[in-house]
Protein backbone atom coordinates (compact mmCIF):
# COMPACT_ATOMS: atom_id res chain seq x y z
CA MET A 1 55.61 126.94 56.63
CA PRO A 2 54.35 130.06 58.45
CA LYS A 3 57.00 132.53 59.50
CA PRO A 4 57.64 132.37 63.30
CA PRO A 5 56.59 135.48 65.23
CA GLN A 6 59.21 138.12 65.85
CA VAL A 7 60.56 138.42 69.40
CA LEU A 8 61.27 141.80 70.98
CA GLU A 9 63.40 142.22 74.08
CA GLN A 10 61.56 140.87 77.12
CA ARG A 11 61.84 142.40 80.58
CA PRO A 12 60.42 141.23 83.92
CA LEU A 13 57.35 142.98 85.28
CA GLY A 14 58.83 144.02 88.61
CA ARG A 15 59.03 141.48 91.41
CA SER A 16 56.56 139.15 89.64
CA GLY A 17 59.05 138.30 86.92
CA HIS A 18 56.20 138.14 84.39
CA PRO A 19 57.78 138.71 80.94
CA THR A 20 56.79 141.77 78.92
CA SER A 21 57.94 143.13 75.58
CA ILE A 22 59.71 146.49 75.77
CA LEU A 23 57.13 147.96 73.37
CA ALA A 24 53.46 147.96 74.34
CA LEU A 25 50.52 148.95 72.16
CA GLY A 26 48.33 151.71 73.60
CA THR A 27 44.85 151.59 72.08
CA ARG A 28 43.24 154.91 73.01
CA ARG A 29 43.95 156.44 69.60
CA LEU A 30 42.62 153.40 67.72
CA ALA A 31 39.07 154.73 68.06
CA ARG A 32 39.74 157.03 65.11
CA ALA A 33 41.37 154.29 63.04
CA GLY A 34 38.23 152.21 62.51
CA GLN A 35 37.45 148.56 63.13
CA ARG A 36 39.30 147.06 60.19
CA ALA A 37 42.47 149.07 60.82
CA THR A 38 42.33 148.31 64.54
CA ILE A 39 42.24 144.57 63.91
CA GLN A 40 45.14 144.84 61.45
CA ILE A 41 47.26 146.96 63.80
CA VAL A 42 46.65 144.75 66.83
CA ARG A 43 47.40 141.52 65.03
CA GLU A 44 50.44 142.84 63.21
CA ALA A 45 51.80 144.18 66.51
CA ILE A 46 51.41 140.77 68.17
CA ASP A 47 52.86 138.93 65.17
CA HIS A 48 55.93 141.17 65.38
CA GLY A 49 56.64 140.65 69.05
CA VAL A 50 54.40 143.00 71.05
CA THR A 51 53.11 141.06 74.05
CA VAL A 52 51.53 143.93 76.03
CA ILE A 53 48.35 145.81 75.05
CA GLU A 54 46.79 148.63 77.06
CA THR A 55 43.12 149.55 76.83
CA GLY A 56 40.48 151.34 78.89
CA HIS A 57 36.77 151.40 79.60
CA GLU A 58 36.20 154.92 78.25
CA TYR A 59 38.45 154.66 75.20
CA GLY A 60 36.55 155.54 72.05
CA ASP A 61 33.10 155.47 73.66
CA GLU A 62 33.31 151.66 73.99
CA ARG A 63 34.37 151.11 70.37
CA THR A 64 38.03 150.47 71.12
CA GLU A 65 37.41 147.59 73.51
CA ARG A 66 34.87 145.97 71.19
CA TRP A 67 37.28 146.14 68.24
CA LEU A 68 40.13 144.90 70.41
CA GLY A 69 37.98 141.96 71.47
CA LEU A 70 37.49 141.07 67.81
CA ALA A 71 41.21 141.43 67.09
CA LEU A 72 42.14 139.08 69.95
CA ARG A 73 40.13 136.15 68.61
CA ASP A 74 41.73 133.22 66.75
CA GLY A 75 44.44 132.62 69.35
CA TYR A 76 45.75 136.17 69.71
CA ARG A 77 44.39 136.70 73.24
CA GLU A 78 46.64 133.97 74.67
CA ARG A 79 49.71 135.77 73.33
CA VAL A 80 49.30 139.09 75.16
CA THR A 81 49.26 140.68 78.59
CA LEU A 82 46.27 143.01 78.81
CA ILE A 83 46.53 146.19 80.85
CA TRP A 84 42.99 147.39 81.59
CA GLN A 85 42.47 151.01 82.64
CA CYS A 86 39.75 151.46 85.27
CA CYS A 87 38.09 154.78 84.41
CA ALA A 88 35.86 155.08 87.49
CA HIS A 89 36.96 158.62 88.29
CA LEU A 90 35.13 158.81 91.61
CA ARG A 91 37.31 155.79 92.51
CA ASP A 92 34.24 154.07 93.95
CA TYR A 93 33.64 150.34 94.31
CA LYS A 94 30.33 150.12 92.45
CA THR A 95 31.42 151.93 89.27
CA SER A 96 34.79 150.19 89.24
CA MET A 97 33.23 146.72 89.31
CA LEU A 98 30.54 147.69 86.80
CA GLN A 99 33.15 148.97 84.35
CA PHE A 100 35.27 145.87 84.86
CA ASP A 101 32.40 143.52 84.04
CA GLU A 102 31.42 145.59 80.99
CA SER A 103 34.97 145.67 79.67
CA LEU A 104 35.43 141.91 80.05
CA LYS A 105 32.34 141.38 77.91
CA ARG A 106 33.55 143.78 75.22
CA LEU A 107 37.01 142.25 75.22
CA ARG A 108 35.54 138.72 75.06
CA THR A 109 37.76 137.50 77.87
CA PRO A 110 37.05 136.26 81.43
CA VAL A 111 40.21 137.85 82.81
CA VAL A 112 42.74 140.63 82.26
CA GLU A 113 46.29 140.45 83.52
CA MET A 114 46.45 143.97 84.98
CA TRP A 115 43.90 146.31 86.55
CA CYS A 116 45.30 149.85 86.33
CA PHE A 117 43.61 152.92 87.83
CA HIS A 118 43.49 155.47 85.02
CA ASP A 119 44.43 159.17 85.21
CA VAL A 120 45.52 159.44 88.84
CA ILE A 121 46.13 163.15 88.34
CA TYR A 122 44.26 164.96 91.11
CA ASP A 123 45.67 165.54 94.58
CA ASN A 124 42.76 163.77 96.27
CA ASP A 125 42.74 160.75 93.93
CA PRO A 126 44.90 158.70 96.35
CA ASP A 127 42.49 159.45 99.20
CA TRP A 128 39.41 158.66 97.13
CA MET A 129 40.86 155.33 96.02
CA TYR A 130 40.99 154.20 99.63
CA GLU A 131 37.90 155.98 100.94
CA HIS A 132 35.50 155.25 98.04
CA GLY A 133 36.31 151.56 97.63
CA GLY A 134 38.01 151.48 94.25
CA LEU A 135 41.09 149.75 95.60
CA ASP A 136 38.83 147.23 97.37
CA ALA A 137 37.23 146.44 94.00
CA ALA A 138 40.59 145.75 92.39
CA GLN A 139 41.65 143.47 95.23
CA GLU A 140 38.34 141.62 95.07
CA ALA A 141 38.83 141.03 91.35
CA ARG A 142 42.30 139.71 92.12
CA ASP A 143 40.94 137.41 94.83
CA GLN A 144 38.47 136.10 92.23
CA LYS A 145 41.44 135.42 89.92
CA ARG A 146 39.95 137.70 87.27
CA VAL A 147 43.02 139.92 87.44
CA ARG A 148 46.61 139.18 88.45
CA PHE A 149 48.28 142.58 88.89
CA ILE A 150 47.10 145.93 90.30
CA ALA A 151 48.61 149.22 89.12
CA PHE A 152 47.92 152.92 88.66
CA SER A 153 48.81 155.46 86.02
CA GLY A 154 48.96 159.21 85.70
CA HIS A 155 50.76 162.05 83.96
CA LYS A 156 50.21 165.16 86.07
CA SER A 157 52.68 165.39 88.94
CA PRO A 158 55.28 163.19 90.63
CA HIS A 159 54.01 164.22 94.06
CA ILE A 160 50.62 162.59 93.42
CA HIS A 161 52.30 159.31 92.45
CA LEU A 162 54.51 159.47 95.53
CA LYS A 163 51.52 160.23 97.78
CA LEU A 164 49.78 157.07 96.58
CA LEU A 165 52.93 154.96 96.84
CA ASN A 166 53.46 156.18 100.40
CA ARG A 167 50.00 155.00 101.47
CA GLY A 168 51.62 151.57 101.69
CA PHE A 169 49.75 149.33 99.26
CA ALA A 170 52.02 146.86 97.44
CA TRP A 171 51.41 148.02 93.87
CA ASP A 172 52.54 145.63 91.16
CA ALA A 173 53.22 148.38 88.62
CA VAL A 174 53.16 152.15 88.22
CA ALA A 175 52.74 153.90 84.85
CA MET A 176 54.32 157.31 84.28
CA PRO A 177 55.55 159.64 81.50
CA LEU A 178 59.13 158.83 80.47
CA ASN A 179 60.85 160.86 77.77
CA PRO A 180 63.87 163.18 77.47
CA LEU A 181 61.81 166.28 78.32
CA ASP A 182 60.51 164.78 81.57
CA ALA A 183 64.07 164.51 82.91
CA THR A 184 64.21 168.28 83.43
CA PHE A 185 60.68 169.33 84.38
CA ARG A 186 58.69 167.87 87.32
CA SER A 187 60.49 164.65 86.57
CA PHE A 188 58.89 161.24 87.04
CA GLU A 189 62.16 159.68 85.95
CA LYS A 190 64.06 161.29 88.81
CA GLN A 191 61.42 161.20 91.55
CA VAL A 192 58.98 158.32 90.94
CA LEU A 193 60.92 155.76 88.91
CA PRO A 194 63.56 155.02 91.61
CA GLU A 195 60.94 154.83 94.37
CA THR A 196 58.82 152.44 92.30
CA ILE A 197 61.80 150.17 91.70
CA ARG A 198 62.81 150.35 95.37
CA ARG A 199 59.40 148.95 96.29
CA GLY A 200 59.72 146.08 93.81
CA ALA A 201 56.97 147.32 91.51
CA ALA A 202 57.33 147.48 87.75
CA VAL A 203 57.81 150.78 85.96
CA ILE A 204 55.59 151.20 82.90
CA GLY A 205 56.52 154.09 80.65
CA CYS A 206 54.06 156.20 78.69
CA LYS A 207 54.06 159.42 76.65
CA PRO A 208 57.46 158.75 75.02
CA MET A 209 56.64 161.50 72.50
CA ALA A 210 55.50 163.89 75.26
CA GLY A 211 51.93 163.88 73.96
CA GLY A 212 53.09 164.70 70.42
CA ALA A 213 55.35 167.59 71.46
CA ILE A 214 58.61 165.85 70.53
CA PRO A 215 57.90 165.31 66.82
CA ALA A 216 56.11 168.68 66.56
CA SER A 217 58.83 170.70 68.26
CA ARG A 218 61.83 168.90 66.73
CA VAL A 219 63.65 169.33 70.02
CA VAL A 220 64.89 165.78 69.64
CA ASN A 221 64.58 163.11 66.96
CA PRO A 222 61.53 160.86 67.66
CA GLU A 223 63.58 157.69 67.16
CA ASP A 224 66.17 158.93 69.67
CA ALA A 225 63.41 159.86 72.11
CA LEU A 226 61.98 156.35 71.85
CA ARG A 227 65.44 154.84 72.32
CA TYR A 228 65.95 157.09 75.37
CA SER A 229 62.75 155.76 76.97
CA PHE A 230 63.68 152.15 76.15
CA SER A 231 67.06 152.76 77.83
CA LEU A 232 65.41 153.51 81.18
CA PRO A 233 64.68 150.64 83.64
CA ALA A 234 61.05 150.28 82.63
CA SER A 235 59.41 146.92 82.04
CA THR A 236 57.52 148.15 78.98
CA LEU A 237 56.73 151.38 77.16
CA ILE A 238 53.16 152.15 76.08
CA CYS A 239 53.03 153.83 72.68
CA GLY A 240 49.80 154.98 71.09
CA MET A 241 49.85 153.75 67.49
CA ASP A 242 46.85 154.43 65.26
CA SER A 243 48.31 153.47 61.89
CA VAL A 244 50.22 150.55 60.44
CA ALA A 245 52.94 152.94 59.30
CA LEU A 246 53.55 154.24 62.84
CA LEU A 247 53.43 150.73 64.25
CA ARG A 248 56.08 149.54 61.81
CA LYS A 249 58.25 152.55 62.53
CA ASN A 250 58.18 151.91 66.28
CA LEU A 251 58.65 148.17 65.81
CA LYS A 252 61.82 148.86 63.86
CA VAL A 253 63.25 150.96 66.70
CA ALA A 254 62.28 148.32 69.27
CA ALA A 255 63.60 145.39 67.26
CA ASN A 256 66.97 147.08 66.66
CA PHE A 257 67.20 148.64 70.11
CA LYS A 258 70.58 149.12 71.70
CA PRO A 259 70.55 151.11 74.95
CA PHE A 260 72.17 154.49 75.24
CA HIS A 261 75.08 154.40 77.68
CA ALA A 262 75.08 156.75 80.68
CA GLY A 263 77.03 159.47 78.88
CA GLU A 264 74.63 159.44 75.94
CA MET A 265 71.63 159.66 78.28
CA ASP A 266 73.15 162.69 80.01
CA ALA A 267 73.90 164.29 76.64
CA MET A 268 70.26 163.82 75.61
CA ARG A 269 69.07 165.47 78.82
CA GLN A 270 71.41 168.41 78.25
CA ARG A 271 70.21 168.79 74.66
CA THR A 272 66.60 169.13 75.79
CA ARG A 273 67.17 171.03 79.05
CA ALA A 274 66.60 174.56 77.75
CA ALA A 275 63.41 173.67 75.90
CA ALA A 276 62.03 171.43 78.64
CA GLY A 277 62.79 173.56 81.68
CA ASP A 278 59.62 175.66 81.76
CA GLY A 279 57.22 172.85 80.89
CA ARG A 280 55.96 174.36 77.62
CA TYR A 281 56.13 170.99 75.86
CA GLU A 282 54.76 168.78 78.63
CA ARG A 283 51.32 170.33 78.72
CA TYR A 284 49.82 167.19 80.26
CA LYS A 285 51.59 168.32 83.45
CA THR A 286 50.60 172.00 83.34
CA THR A 287 47.13 172.21 81.73
CA LEU A 288 43.79 170.39 81.55
CA GLU A 289 44.24 169.64 77.84
CA PHE A 290 45.18 165.99 78.38
CA ASP A 291 42.78 165.38 81.27
CA GLY A 292 39.71 163.33 80.31
CA ILE A 293 36.33 165.04 80.63
CA PRO A 294 34.85 162.30 82.89
CA GLY A 295 37.68 162.83 85.35
CA GLN A 296 37.25 166.60 85.20
CA MET A 297 33.54 166.19 85.87
CA ALA A 298 34.19 163.93 88.88
CA HIS A 299 36.43 166.60 90.38
CA GLY A 300 34.23 169.57 89.46
CA PHE A 301 36.34 171.03 86.64
CA ALA A 302 33.72 170.36 83.94
CA LYS A 303 29.96 170.01 83.70
CA LYS A 304 27.76 167.56 81.81
């Protein structure tokens, strides 16, 4: 008989109660893994309890979504919650809907569970989302029952997240960097996470390795950093995994997860405070290095 799929801890997606695994597979880095490896990673992740997969229109110049669509055949699509990143950086209605339709075709699915506005990292992004019609597009897709949840993500500054939250829309989820370094410097954990929960929206964690800085700097053990992020009140944690070895490593931490108690969380923050305090390791907050070129072009920071 086939071995039953592994089950990771499930948490509710905010007020909806929709169940999500604590570990989510981020697919942006899969573009460099190749089609065969992508299919293997996606299917092994699902077979070992991952029920949330995040993808985006501009990931891998379309390759990632096409490969993901192949991986989700043969019954795998029904087993996952798809988070789709809308990469219309002008936040306009026309481009948002065009990207959505294109992505559905690549993914070979008529619906995705979550529409998430990608890279909300510029001060005027919240205004553009309302003024240019992007938010209208997401709500129209929801009215058409082609999407169930509407969210936004970003990594630059807590004040941008708070500005968008304070515009009053009832977001279903908000994605933000969550790791031990963030706790000290321009902290999403301290400023955005509690406000998101207060509004009944789900918290989705990302950048648990601080964009690669945690393993490179050795400020904190990567397994402990992952456990720290799992210990926060987030519904799921998006981890970019572009190899089977990394997937299995993260699955092991997730499957054996036991939360840090409050004292251990404070000790972790103290251990990283000196290194984290000036932002040298969270360069996605302080530089353009982690900002996509299409978004930079939309805001005039880069040229074609």
